[in-house]
N, C-alpha and C. Protein backbone atom coordinates (compact mmCIF):
# COMPACT_ATOMS: atom_id res chain seq x y z
N MET A 1 11.19 13.17 4.84
CA MET A 1 10.43 13.14 3.82
C MET A 1 8.80 13.46 4.20
N PRO A 2 8.30 14.48 3.55
CA PRO A 2 6.98 14.95 4.01
C PRO A 2 5.93 13.88 3.72
N LEU A 3 4.95 13.74 4.61
CA LEU A 3 3.84 12.80 4.47
C LEU A 3 2.74 13.58 3.83
N LYS A 4 1.63 13.05 3.40
CA LYS A 4 0.58 13.80 2.64
C LYS A 4 -0.09 14.79 3.76
N LYS A 5 -0.05 14.46 5.07
CA LYS A 5 -0.61 15.31 6.09
C LYS A 5 0.23 16.56 6.10
N ASP A 6 1.45 16.34 6.00
CA ASP A 6 2.54 17.50 5.99
C ASP A 6 2.31 18.46 4.79
N VAL A 7 1.97 17.73 3.63
CA VAL A 7 1.78 18.60 2.33
C VAL A 7 0.56 19.41 2.68
N VAL A 8 -0.44 18.85 3.17
CA VAL A 8 -1.76 19.53 3.46
C VAL A 8 -1.66 20.71 4.41
N LYS A 9 -0.75 20.44 5.37
CA LYS A 9 -0.59 21.52 6.39
C LYS A 9 0.29 22.69 5.82
N ARG A 10 1.18 22.38 4.81
CA ARG A 10 1.77 23.52 4.17
C ARG A 10 0.93 24.20 3.17
N MET A 11 -0.01 23.47 2.59
CA MET A 11 -0.92 24.11 1.72
C MET A 11 -1.79 25.04 2.44
N HIS A 12 -2.24 24.48 3.80
CA HIS A 12 -3.03 25.19 4.61
C HIS A 12 -2.31 26.63 5.04
N GLU A 13 -1.09 26.66 5.29
CA GLU A 13 -0.28 27.69 5.66
C GLU A 13 -0.28 28.73 4.50
N GLU A 14 -0.14 28.18 3.34
CA GLU A 14 -0.14 29.26 2.18
C GLU A 14 -1.66 29.65 1.67
N LEU A 15 -2.53 28.85 2.00
CA LEU A 15 -3.96 29.12 1.67
C LEU A 15 -4.80 28.97 3.03
N PRO A 16 -4.70 29.95 4.01
CA PRO A 16 -5.41 29.93 5.27
C PRO A 16 -6.89 30.16 5.08
N HIS A 17 -7.48 30.65 4.01
CA HIS A 17 -8.79 30.75 4.01
C HIS A 17 -9.65 29.48 3.41
N HIS A 18 -8.76 28.57 3.08
CA HIS A 18 -9.31 27.29 2.70
C HIS A 18 -9.26 26.21 4.02
N LEU A 19 -10.38 25.42 3.95
CA LEU A 19 -10.32 24.44 4.85
C LEU A 19 -9.39 23.35 4.76
N LYS A 20 -8.81 22.77 5.93
CA LYS A 20 -7.82 21.79 5.69
C LYS A 20 -8.49 20.61 5.03
N LYS A 21 -9.71 20.21 5.39
CA LYS A 21 -10.32 19.20 4.73
C LYS A 21 -10.55 19.34 3.15
N ASP A 22 -11.02 20.45 2.69
CA ASP A 22 -10.92 20.65 1.23
C ASP A 22 -9.79 20.66 0.56
N LEU A 23 -8.54 21.08 1.34
CA LEU A 23 -7.21 20.90 0.83
C LEU A 23 -6.70 19.41 0.62
N GLU A 24 -7.14 18.56 1.66
CA GLU A 24 -6.89 17.24 1.72
C GLU A 24 -7.69 16.52 0.49
N GLU A 25 -8.87 16.97 0.23
CA GLU A 25 -9.63 16.47 -0.95
C GLU A 25 -8.90 16.64 -2.25
N SER A 26 -8.52 17.88 -2.29
CA SER A 26 -7.90 18.39 -3.47
C SER A 26 -6.81 17.61 -3.72
N CYS A 27 -5.88 17.23 -2.62
CA CYS A 27 -4.63 16.60 -2.71
C CYS A 27 -4.89 15.24 -3.13
N ASP A 28 -6.04 14.58 -2.57
CA ASP A 28 -6.50 13.21 -2.91
C ASP A 28 -6.83 13.22 -4.37
N ILE A 29 -7.45 14.26 -4.87
CA ILE A 29 -7.95 14.04 -6.32
C ILE A 29 -6.68 14.28 -7.23
N ILE A 30 -5.82 15.02 -6.90
CA ILE A 30 -4.68 15.16 -7.63
C ILE A 30 -3.82 13.84 -7.78
N LEU A 31 -3.65 13.10 -6.59
CA LEU A 31 -3.02 12.05 -6.54
C LEU A 31 -3.77 10.90 -7.26
N LYS A 32 -4.98 10.88 -7.10
CA LYS A 32 -5.77 9.68 -7.78
C LYS A 32 -5.66 9.85 -9.34
N SER A 33 -5.77 11.23 -9.87
CA SER A 33 -5.67 11.34 -11.30
C SER A 33 -4.26 10.99 -11.71
N MET A 34 -3.07 11.28 -10.89
CA MET A 34 -1.80 10.94 -11.41
C MET A 34 -1.73 9.41 -11.37
N ILE A 35 -2.25 8.65 -10.40
CA ILE A 35 -2.29 7.24 -10.29
C ILE A 35 -2.98 6.58 -11.67
N ARG A 36 -4.20 7.17 -11.82
CA ARG A 36 -5.02 6.76 -13.12
C ARG A 36 -4.22 6.87 -14.25
N ALA A 37 -3.62 7.97 -14.44
CA ALA A 37 -2.89 8.27 -15.64
C ALA A 37 -1.71 7.42 -15.93
N LEU A 38 -1.03 7.02 -14.73
CA LEU A 38 0.17 6.25 -14.84
C LEU A 38 -0.43 4.70 -15.08
N GLY A 39 -1.43 4.34 -14.44
CA GLY A 39 -1.98 3.09 -14.65
C GLY A 39 -2.53 2.82 -16.18
N GLU A 40 -2.79 3.70 -16.76
CA GLU A 40 -3.27 3.56 -18.15
C GLU A 40 -2.05 3.74 -19.06
N GLY A 41 -0.83 3.84 -18.50
CA GLY A 41 0.40 3.83 -19.40
C GLY A 41 0.64 5.25 -19.72
N GLY A 42 0.11 6.23 -19.33
CA GLY A 42 0.46 7.52 -19.60
C GLY A 42 1.49 8.24 -18.96
N ARG A 43 1.78 9.57 -18.92
CA ARG A 43 2.75 10.13 -18.14
C ARG A 43 2.07 11.31 -17.52
N VAL A 44 2.84 11.91 -16.38
CA VAL A 44 2.26 13.02 -15.56
C VAL A 44 3.40 13.82 -15.66
N GLU A 45 3.33 15.16 -16.12
CA GLU A 45 4.37 16.08 -16.24
C GLU A 45 3.91 17.26 -15.47
N ILE A 46 4.78 17.76 -14.47
CA ILE A 46 4.61 18.78 -13.76
C ILE A 46 5.64 19.83 -13.94
N ARG A 47 5.46 20.86 -14.84
CA ARG A 47 6.54 21.75 -15.20
C ARG A 47 7.43 22.10 -14.14
N GLY A 48 8.81 22.08 -14.24
CA GLY A 48 9.70 22.68 -13.17
C GLY A 48 9.96 21.51 -12.06
N PHE A 49 8.91 20.53 -11.79
CA PHE A 49 9.28 19.42 -10.97
C PHE A 49 9.73 18.32 -11.66
N GLY A 50 8.95 17.83 -12.61
CA GLY A 50 9.53 16.57 -13.27
C GLY A 50 8.45 15.81 -13.98
N CYS A 51 8.68 14.73 -14.57
CA CYS A 51 7.81 14.00 -15.29
C CYS A 51 7.69 12.49 -14.75
N LEU A 52 6.69 11.76 -14.62
CA LEU A 52 6.64 10.53 -14.21
C LEU A 52 5.98 9.70 -15.42
N SER A 53 6.69 8.54 -15.90
CA SER A 53 6.25 7.94 -17.04
C SER A 53 6.35 6.55 -16.73
N VAL A 54 5.61 5.75 -17.59
CA VAL A 54 5.76 4.34 -17.46
C VAL A 54 6.36 3.54 -18.49
N ARG A 55 7.50 2.80 -18.15
CA ARG A 55 8.26 2.00 -19.21
C ARG A 55 8.16 0.67 -18.97
N ARG A 56 8.13 -0.23 -20.09
CA ARG A 56 8.16 -1.64 -19.93
C ARG A 56 9.38 -2.20 -19.81
N GLN A 57 9.74 -3.08 -18.84
CA GLN A 57 11.04 -3.71 -18.69
C GLN A 57 10.78 -5.12 -19.09
N ALA A 58 11.81 -5.60 -19.82
CA ALA A 58 11.80 -6.89 -20.51
C ALA A 58 11.98 -7.95 -19.39
N GLY A 59 11.47 -9.07 -19.62
CA GLY A 59 11.85 -10.23 -18.73
C GLY A 59 13.21 -10.56 -18.90
N LYS A 60 13.63 -11.40 -17.81
CA LYS A 60 14.93 -11.80 -17.72
C LYS A 60 15.05 -13.24 -17.30
N THR A 61 16.04 -13.89 -17.67
CA THR A 61 16.35 -15.25 -17.26
C THR A 61 17.79 -15.27 -16.59
N PHE A 62 17.87 -15.68 -15.41
CA PHE A 62 19.15 -15.78 -14.79
C PHE A 62 19.46 -17.09 -14.13
N LYS A 63 20.52 -17.31 -13.73
CA LYS A 63 20.91 -18.63 -13.02
C LYS A 63 21.47 -18.25 -11.58
N ASN A 64 21.02 -19.06 -10.72
CA ASN A 64 21.44 -18.85 -9.32
C ASN A 64 22.80 -19.42 -9.33
N PRO A 65 23.83 -18.76 -9.04
CA PRO A 65 25.21 -19.26 -8.97
C PRO A 65 25.40 -20.33 -7.87
N LYS A 66 24.60 -20.20 -6.75
CA LYS A 66 24.78 -21.27 -5.73
C LYS A 66 24.21 -22.44 -6.07
N THR A 67 22.92 -22.50 -6.61
CA THR A 67 22.26 -23.73 -6.66
C THR A 67 22.32 -24.25 -8.20
N GLY A 68 22.49 -23.28 -9.07
CA GLY A 68 22.59 -23.56 -10.63
C GLY A 68 21.26 -23.75 -11.12
N THR A 69 20.19 -23.35 -10.31
CA THR A 69 18.83 -23.38 -10.92
C THR A 69 18.47 -22.17 -11.84
N ILE A 70 17.79 -22.22 -12.93
CA ILE A 70 17.39 -21.17 -13.85
C ILE A 70 16.20 -20.64 -13.40
N HIS A 71 15.97 -19.31 -13.36
CA HIS A 71 14.82 -18.48 -12.95
C HIS A 71 14.42 -17.56 -14.01
N ASN A 72 13.18 -17.40 -14.28
CA ASN A 72 12.64 -16.40 -15.11
C ASN A 72 12.12 -15.13 -14.36
N ILE A 73 12.29 -13.99 -14.64
CA ILE A 73 11.61 -12.78 -14.22
C ILE A 73 10.79 -12.29 -15.38
N PRO A 74 9.53 -12.42 -15.02
CA PRO A 74 8.46 -11.87 -16.08
C PRO A 74 8.73 -10.37 -16.41
N PRO A 75 8.19 -9.89 -17.79
CA PRO A 75 8.18 -8.56 -18.04
C PRO A 75 7.34 -7.86 -16.94
N ARG A 76 7.63 -6.56 -16.76
CA ARG A 76 6.79 -5.67 -16.02
C ARG A 76 6.95 -4.35 -16.39
N ARG A 77 6.08 -3.56 -15.77
CA ARG A 77 6.16 -2.03 -16.11
C ARG A 77 6.65 -1.35 -15.00
N ARG A 78 7.53 -0.33 -15.13
CA ARG A 78 8.14 0.40 -14.14
C ARG A 78 7.92 2.00 -14.28
N ILE A 79 7.71 2.59 -13.30
CA ILE A 79 7.38 3.88 -13.17
C ILE A 79 8.91 4.69 -13.15
N ILE A 80 9.07 5.67 -14.09
CA ILE A 80 10.37 6.29 -14.21
C ILE A 80 10.16 7.78 -13.98
N PHE A 81 10.92 8.35 -13.08
CA PHE A 81 10.90 9.73 -12.73
C PHE A 81 12.06 10.42 -13.34
N LYS A 82 11.61 11.61 -14.07
CA LYS A 82 12.92 12.45 -14.73
C LYS A 82 12.66 13.75 -14.13
N PRO A 83 13.72 14.19 -13.33
CA PRO A 83 13.46 15.69 -12.59
C PRO A 83 13.50 16.72 -13.69
N GLY A 84 12.72 17.76 -13.28
CA GLY A 84 12.63 18.89 -14.19
C GLY A 84 13.72 19.84 -13.88
N LYS A 85 13.75 21.03 -14.70
CA LYS A 85 14.84 21.82 -14.64
C LYS A 85 15.00 22.45 -13.25
N ASP A 86 13.84 23.00 -12.59
CA ASP A 86 13.96 23.71 -11.43
C ASP A 86 14.49 22.69 -10.37
N LEU A 87 13.96 21.43 -10.50
CA LEU A 87 14.43 20.51 -9.51
C LEU A 87 15.93 20.21 -9.42
N ARG A 88 16.30 20.05 -10.79
CA ARG A 88 17.85 19.60 -10.96
C ARG A 88 18.66 20.80 -10.61
N GLU A 89 18.18 22.09 -10.56
CA GLU A 89 19.13 22.94 -10.19
C GLU A 89 19.21 23.04 -8.70
N LEU A 90 18.34 22.63 -7.93
CA LEU A 90 18.31 22.61 -6.36
C LEU A 90 19.31 21.44 -5.94
N THR A 91 19.61 20.40 -6.76
CA THR A 91 20.36 19.38 -6.46
C THR A 91 21.79 19.31 -6.89
């Protein structure tokens, strides 16, 4: 699994006339804007790659079979990834 530095390295190979520092800043800006959009409950769609969206998961109540105690799981938000057409064709 490539790390951010690996992505920046590949970007620099494709765009050698740009400084690595500038490419890293660009990568940071893109990631921060994606995080902000998801944090606000929006979705991030990258055509061909896929779509990240936030869904609300309902809370649950369950019983521990060993002890018999009842526990509550509060509702929460989950990030869902749906692969795009190009990515689905690769797998």
